[in-house]
Every structure is written in C-alpha cells, then in structure tokens.
C-alpha atoms as a PDB file:
ATOM      1  CA  MET A   1     -28.684  13.676   1.532  1.00  0.00           C
ATOM      2  CA  THR A   2     -25.080  14.344   2.519  1.00  0.00           C
ATOM      3  CA  LEU A   3     -22.618  11.470   2.345  1.00  0.00           C
ATOM      4  CA  GLN A   4     -20.911  10.903   5.667  1.00  0.00           C
ATOM      5  CA  ILE A   5     -17.472   9.287   5.780  1.00  0.00           C
ATOM      6  CA  GLU A   6     -18.735   6.639   8.215  1.00  0.00           C
ATOM      7  CA  HIS A   7     -21.126   5.426   5.495  1.00  0.00           C
ATOM      8  CA  LEU A   8     -18.290   4.441   3.146  1.00  0.00           C
ATOM      9  CA  THR A   9     -17.829   0.671   3.026  1.00  0.00           C
ATOM     10  CA  ILE A  10     -14.441   0.427   1.310  1.00  0.00           C
ATOM     11  CA  PRO A  11     -11.185   0.886   3.205  1.00  0.00           C
ATOM     12  CA  ILE A  12      -9.703   4.355   2.771  1.00  0.00           C
ATOM     13  CA  TRP A  13      -6.533   5.604   4.423  1.00  0.00           C
ATOM     14  CA  ILE A  14      -3.864   8.277   4.190  1.00  0.00           C
ATOM     15  CA  TYR A  15      -0.291   7.000   4.213  1.00  0.00           C
ATOM     16  CA  ASP A  16       2.553   9.314   5.246  1.00  0.00           C
ATOM     17  CA  ILE A  17       5.285   8.233   2.811  1.00  0.00           C
ATOM     18  CA  ASP A  18       8.011  10.278   4.525  1.00  0.00           C
ATOM     19  CA  ASN A  19       7.290   8.939   8.019  1.00  0.00           C
ATOM     20  CA  HIS A  20       6.281   5.384   7.028  1.00  0.00           C
ATOM     21  CA  CYS A  21       2.973   5.419   8.876  1.00  0.00           C
ATOM     22  CA  ILE A  22      -0.748   5.595   8.359  1.00  0.00           C
ATOM     23  CA  TYR A  23      -1.999   9.062   9.247  1.00  0.00           C
ATOM     24  CA  TRP A  24      -5.755   8.338   9.139  1.00  0.00           C
ATOM     25  CA  THR A  25      -8.220   5.614   8.093  1.00  0.00           C
ATOM     26  CA  ASN A  26     -11.926   4.861   8.201  1.00  0.00           C
ATOM     27  CA  GLN A  27     -13.547   1.889  10.002  1.00  0.00           C
ATOM     28  CA  PRO A  28     -13.230  -0.524   7.029  1.00  0.00           C
ATOM     29  CA  GLY A  29      -9.555   0.485   6.852  1.00  0.00           C
ATOM     30  CA  LEU A  30      -9.079  -0.513  10.483  1.00  0.00           C
ATOM     31  CA  ALA A  31     -10.571  -3.915   9.657  1.00  0.00           C
ATOM     32  CA  LEU A  32      -8.297  -4.366   6.612  1.00  0.00           C
ATOM     33  CA  TRP A  33      -5.245  -3.482   8.690  1.00  0.00           C
ATOM     34  CA  GLU A  34      -6.374  -5.743  11.589  1.00  0.00           C
ATOM     35  CA  SER A  35      -6.427  -2.851  14.036  1.00  0.00           C
ATOM     36  CA  ASP A  36      -8.784  -2.147  16.926  1.00  0.00           C
ATOM     37  CA  SER A  37      -8.167   1.607  16.928  1.00  0.00           C
ATOM     38  CA  LEU A  38      -6.872   4.489  14.858  1.00  0.00           C
ATOM     39  CA  ASP A  39      -4.283   5.281  17.550  1.00  0.00           C
ATOM     40  CA  GLU A  40      -2.869   1.747  17.399  1.00  0.00           C
ATOM     41  CA  LEU A  41      -2.713   1.745  13.609  1.00  0.00           C
ATOM     42  CA  CYS A  42      -1.143   5.207  13.430  1.00  0.00           C
ATOM     43  CA  SER A  43       1.560   4.112  15.867  1.00  0.00           C
ATOM     44  CA  ARG A  44       2.767   1.318  13.544  1.00  0.00           C
ATOM     45  CA  ASP A  45       6.119   1.922  11.854  1.00  0.00           C
ATOM     46  CA  PHE A  46       5.843   0.421   8.374  1.00  0.00           C
ATOM     47  CA  SER A  47       9.544   0.971   7.633  1.00  0.00           C
ATOM     48  CA  ALA A  48      10.553  -1.984   9.830  1.00  0.00           C
ATOM     49  CA  ASN A  49       9.554  -4.615   7.247  1.00  0.00           C
ATOM     50  CA  MET A  50       9.671  -2.461   4.109  1.00  0.00           C
ATOM     51  CA  SER A  51      11.814  -3.690   1.223  1.00  0.00           C
ATOM     52  CA  GLU A  52      14.028  -1.257  -0.658  1.00  0.00           C
ATOM     53  CA  ALA A  53      11.942  -2.004  -3.758  1.00  0.00           C
ATOM     54  CA  LEU A  54       8.759  -0.882  -2.008  1.00  0.00           C
ATOM     55  CA  GLN A  55      10.447   2.220  -0.594  1.00  0.00           C
ATOM     56  CA  GLU A  56      11.656   3.180  -4.087  1.00  0.00           C
ATOM     57  CA  SER A  57       8.175   2.578  -5.512  1.00  0.00           C
ATOM     58  CA  LEU A  58       6.569   4.783  -2.871  1.00  0.00           C
ATOM     59  CA  LEU A  59       9.004   7.604  -3.648  1.00  0.00           C
ATOM     60  CA  GLU A  60       8.161   7.244  -7.354  1.00  0.00           C
ATOM     61  CA  TYR A  61       4.455   7.336  -6.470  1.00  0.00           C
ATOM     62  CA  GLN A  62       5.073  10.510  -4.472  1.00  0.00           C
ATOM     63  CA  GLU A  63       6.627  12.158  -7.534  1.00  0.00           C
ATOM     64  CA  SER A  64       3.634  11.051  -9.621  1.00  0.00           C
ATOM     65  CA  PHE A  65       1.280  12.619  -7.082  1.00  0.00           C
ATOM     66  CA  ARG A  66       3.201  15.899  -7.271  1.00  0.00           C
ATOM     67  CA  ARG A  67       2.401  15.891 -11.002  1.00  0.00           C
ATOM     68  CA  GLY A  68      -1.301  15.326 -10.211  1.00  0.00           C
ATOM     69  CA  GLU A  69      -1.325  11.711 -11.385  1.00  0.00           C
ATOM     70  CA  THR A  70      -3.312   8.853  -9.871  1.00  0.00           C
ATOM     71  CA  LEU A  71      -2.292   5.208  -9.924  1.00  0.00           C
ATOM     72  CA  PHE A  72      -4.101   1.871  -9.822  1.00  0.00           C
ATOM     73  CA  HIS A  73      -2.444  -1.336  -8.579  1.00  0.00           C
ATOM     74  CA  ASN A  74      -3.291  -4.622  -6.969  1.00  0.00           C
ATOM     75  CA  TRP A  75      -1.505  -4.515  -3.649  1.00  0.00           C
ATOM     76  CA  HIS A  76      -0.403  -7.142  -1.129  1.00  0.00           C
ATOM     77  CA  PHE A  77      -0.743  -6.472   2.613  1.00  0.00           C
ATOM     78  CA  SER A  78       0.325  -8.585   5.573  1.00  0.00           C
ATOM     79  CA  PRO A  79      -1.181  -6.917   8.648  1.00  0.00           C
ATOM     80  CA  LYS A  80      -0.239  -8.939  11.713  1.00  0.00           C
ATOM     81  CA  GLY A  81       1.033 -11.692   9.371  1.00  0.00           C
ATOM     82  CA  ILE A  82      -2.333 -12.131   7.629  1.00  0.00           C
ATOM     83  CA  ASP A  83      -2.023 -12.107   3.821  1.00  0.00           C
ATOM     84  CA  LYS A  84      -4.498  -9.790   2.109  1.00  0.00           C
ATOM     85  CA  GLN A  85      -4.828  -8.282  -1.339  1.00  0.00           C
ATOM     86  CA  ALA A  86      -6.731  -5.275  -2.606  1.00  0.00           C
ATOM     87  CA  HIS A  87      -7.151  -3.358  -5.828  1.00  0.00           C
ATOM     88  CA  CYS A  88      -6.022   0.140  -4.863  1.00  0.00           C
ATOM     89  CA  HIS A  89      -6.517   3.626  -6.241  1.00  0.00           C
ATOM     90  CA  PHE A  90      -3.594   5.797  -5.111  1.00  0.00           C
ATOM     91  CA  SER A  91      -3.687   9.585  -5.279  1.00  0.00           C
ATOM     92  CA  GLY A  92      -1.823  12.414  -3.610  1.00  0.00           C
ATOM     93  CA  TYR A  93      -2.732  13.970  -0.289  1.00  0.00           C
ATOM     94  CA  GLU A  94      -1.142  17.257   0.746  1.00  0.00           C
ATOM     95  CA  PHE A  95      -0.359  17.554   4.460  1.00  0.00           C
ATOM     96  CA  SER A  96      -0.630  20.961   6.139  1.00  0.00           C
ATOM     97  CA  ASP A  97       3.179  21.312   6.022  1.00  0.00           C
ATOM     98  CA  GLY A  98       3.203  20.855   2.216  1.00  0.00           C
ATOM     99  CA  ARG A  99       4.492  17.276   2.160  1.00  0.00           C
ATOM    100  CA  ILE A 100       2.802  14.840  -0.201  1.00  0.00           C
ATOM    101  CA  GLY A 101       1.328  11.641   1.193  1.00  0.00           C
ATOM    102  CA  MET A 102      -0.799   8.951  -0.394  1.00  0.00           C
ATOM    103  CA  LEU A 103      -4.584   8.654  -0.264  1.00  0.00           C
ATOM    104  CA  VAL A 104      -5.559   5.012  -0.783  1.00  0.00           C
ATOM    105  CA  GLU A 105      -8.996   3.677  -1.718  1.00  0.00           C
ATOM    106  CA  ALA A 106      -8.989  -0.137  -1.620  1.00  0.00           C
ATOM    107  CA  VAL A 107     -11.315  -2.846  -2.904  1.00  0.00           C
ATOM    108  CA  PRO A 108     -10.290  -6.013  -1.036  1.00  0.00           C
ATOM    109  CA  LEU A 109      -9.729  -9.109  -3.166  1.00  0.00           C
ATOM    110  CA  HIS A 110     -10.733 -12.410  -1.654  1.00  0.00           C
ATOM    111  CA  SER A 111      -8.486 -15.200  -2.911  1.00  0.00           C
ATOM    112  CA  SER A 112     -11.209 -17.747  -2.193  1.00  0.00           C
ATOM    113  CA  ASN A 113     -13.522 -15.938  -4.605  1.00  0.00           C
ATOM    114  CA  GLY A 114     -12.961 -17.253  -8.110  1.00  0.00           C
ATOM    115  CA  ASP A 115     -15.023 -14.356  -9.456  1.00  0.00           C
ATOM    116  CA  ALA A 116     -12.559 -11.716  -8.242  1.00  0.00           C
ATOM    117  CA  PRO A 117     -12.410  -8.984 -10.887  1.00  0.00           C
ATOM    118  CA  PHE A 118      -8.649  -8.466 -10.720  1.00  0.00           C
ATOM    119  CA  GLY A 119      -5.549 -10.618 -11.145  1.00  0.00           C
ATOM    120  CA  PRO A 120      -2.691 -11.364  -8.774  1.00  0.00           C
ATOM    121  CA  SER A 121      -1.032  -8.655  -6.717  1.00  0.00           C
ATOM    122  CA  THR A 122       1.799  -6.485  -7.947  1.00  0.00           C
ATOM    123  CA  MET A 123       5.328  -7.807  -7.642  1.00  0.00           C
ATOM    124  CA  LEU A 124       8.060  -5.226  -7.079  1.00  0.00           C
ATOM    125  CA  SER A 125      11.813  -5.724  -7.197  1.00  0.00           C
ATOM    126  CA  ASP A 126      14.830  -3.437  -7.077  1.00  0.00           C
ATOM    127  CA  TYR A 127      18.179  -3.881  -8.860  1.00  0.00           C
ATOM    128  CA  SER A 128      21.500  -2.070  -8.885  1.00  0.00           C
ATOM    129  CA  VAL A 129      22.629  -0.283 -12.069  1.00  0.00           C
ATOM    130  CA  GLU A 130      24.756  -3.389 -12.725  1.00  0.00           C
ATOM    131  CA  GLY A 131      21.586  -5.518 -12.710  1.00  0.00           C
ATOM    132  CA  VAL A 132      22.226  -7.159  -9.324  1.00  0.00           C
ATOM    133  CA  PHE A 133      19.062  -7.980  -7.352  1.00  0.00           C
ATOM    134  CA  ILE A 134      18.728  -5.812  -4.222  1.00  0.00           C
ATOM    135  CA  SER A 135      15.280  -6.533  -2.803  1.00  0.00           C
ATOM    136  CA  GLY A 136      11.688  -7.494  -3.557  1.00  0.00           C
ATOM    137  CA  ASN A 137       8.317  -7.017  -1.961  1.00  0.00           C
ATOM    138  CA  PRO A 138       6.560 -10.011  -0.311  1.00  0.00           C
ATOM    139  CA  SER A 139       4.667 -10.928  -3.504  1.00  0.00           C
ATOM    140  CA  PHE A 140       7.908 -11.000  -5.500  1.00  0.00           C
ATOM    141  CA  LEU A 141       9.796 -13.015  -2.876  1.00  0.00           C
ATOM    142  CA  LYS A 142       6.945 -15.516  -2.550  1.00  0.00           C
ATOM    143  CA  GLU A 143       6.715 -16.046  -6.315  1.00  0.00           C
ATOM    144  CA  ILE A 144      10.358 -15.642  -7.432  1.00  0.00           C
ATOM    145  CA  GLY A 145      12.497 -15.871  -4.303  1.00  0.00           C
ATOM    146  CA  ARG A 146      15.802 -14.156  -3.528  1.00  0.00           C
ATOM    147  CA  ASP A 147      17.996 -16.093  -5.959  1.00  0.00           C
ATOM    148  CA  VAL A 148      17.532 -13.791  -8.942  1.00  0.00           C
ATOM    149  CA  ARG A 149      19.950 -13.771 -11.826  1.00  0.00           C
ATOM    150  CA  THR A 150      19.761 -11.137 -14.525  1.00  0.00           C
END
C-alpha cells in the first residue's frame, strides 16, 4: 500500500521564510490555519503581524536548516484571531531556486485537554546589544508584557 498525502491526519505545511507566506499545506493544515482554500492561505502575508523576535528566530531556523538540522518547538498560532498551539517539527525545504524554507509537521495541542503531552508554547523575545527589549511574540507578550527590564 502506498501512502497518499491526503491520508495524513496531522497538519503539514511549507513556509517560505523569505517571502513570509505559506507555500503549500495539506487539508489538516488548512483547518489549523482556518482557511477554506490553499489559494486563500497562500495569499496571506505573515509579515504584517510578525514580531522582530519571531523574524530573527525564523532566520536562525533557516541557518539551522542549511546545516541539515531539525528543530522541535511548541508553537503559538493565531489564525483569524483564534489562539491555537501545536508541537511542531521544523525541517528545511529547498525551493527550486535554491532558497531554504521550512517544512512544518504539527501536532495540535488542545488547551482544554489536561492530558496534553507537551507544555506551554514557546515564548520568544528580542533585545538590543545593550539589553533593551525590542519585541516579543504573542506568547511572550501575553505572559510577560511589553514592560521588560533587564
């Protein structure tokens, strides 16, 4: 029996780090991202609400992928303002033009499920070389806020 991509039940997508968009996803990925179609999802510009901390993290991930590394993180999503979390496996994806994107395999975490196998989502923050807070991702801002003193 050959495994067909439509038989996969976990969300999988390819994120174009350089262009801040999703390049492709499967049906469970559309559901996670609250999208009715691949065209609609691919047209979303994720840079509009992206913190500097997240952008820096994605560029670091991209460098890790160039070295052949894979990463595992709990991740926070807010598609259409709906808070979601997933345990994600990130690996590199090489586009036909040689750029490196991110292949994501996600296991959604349901906050109402006390038996969830993973902890809270990852908090990211960015600071200047002087230690001044620059930005944080939604999980960081929700938990810590913007008034950060180092």
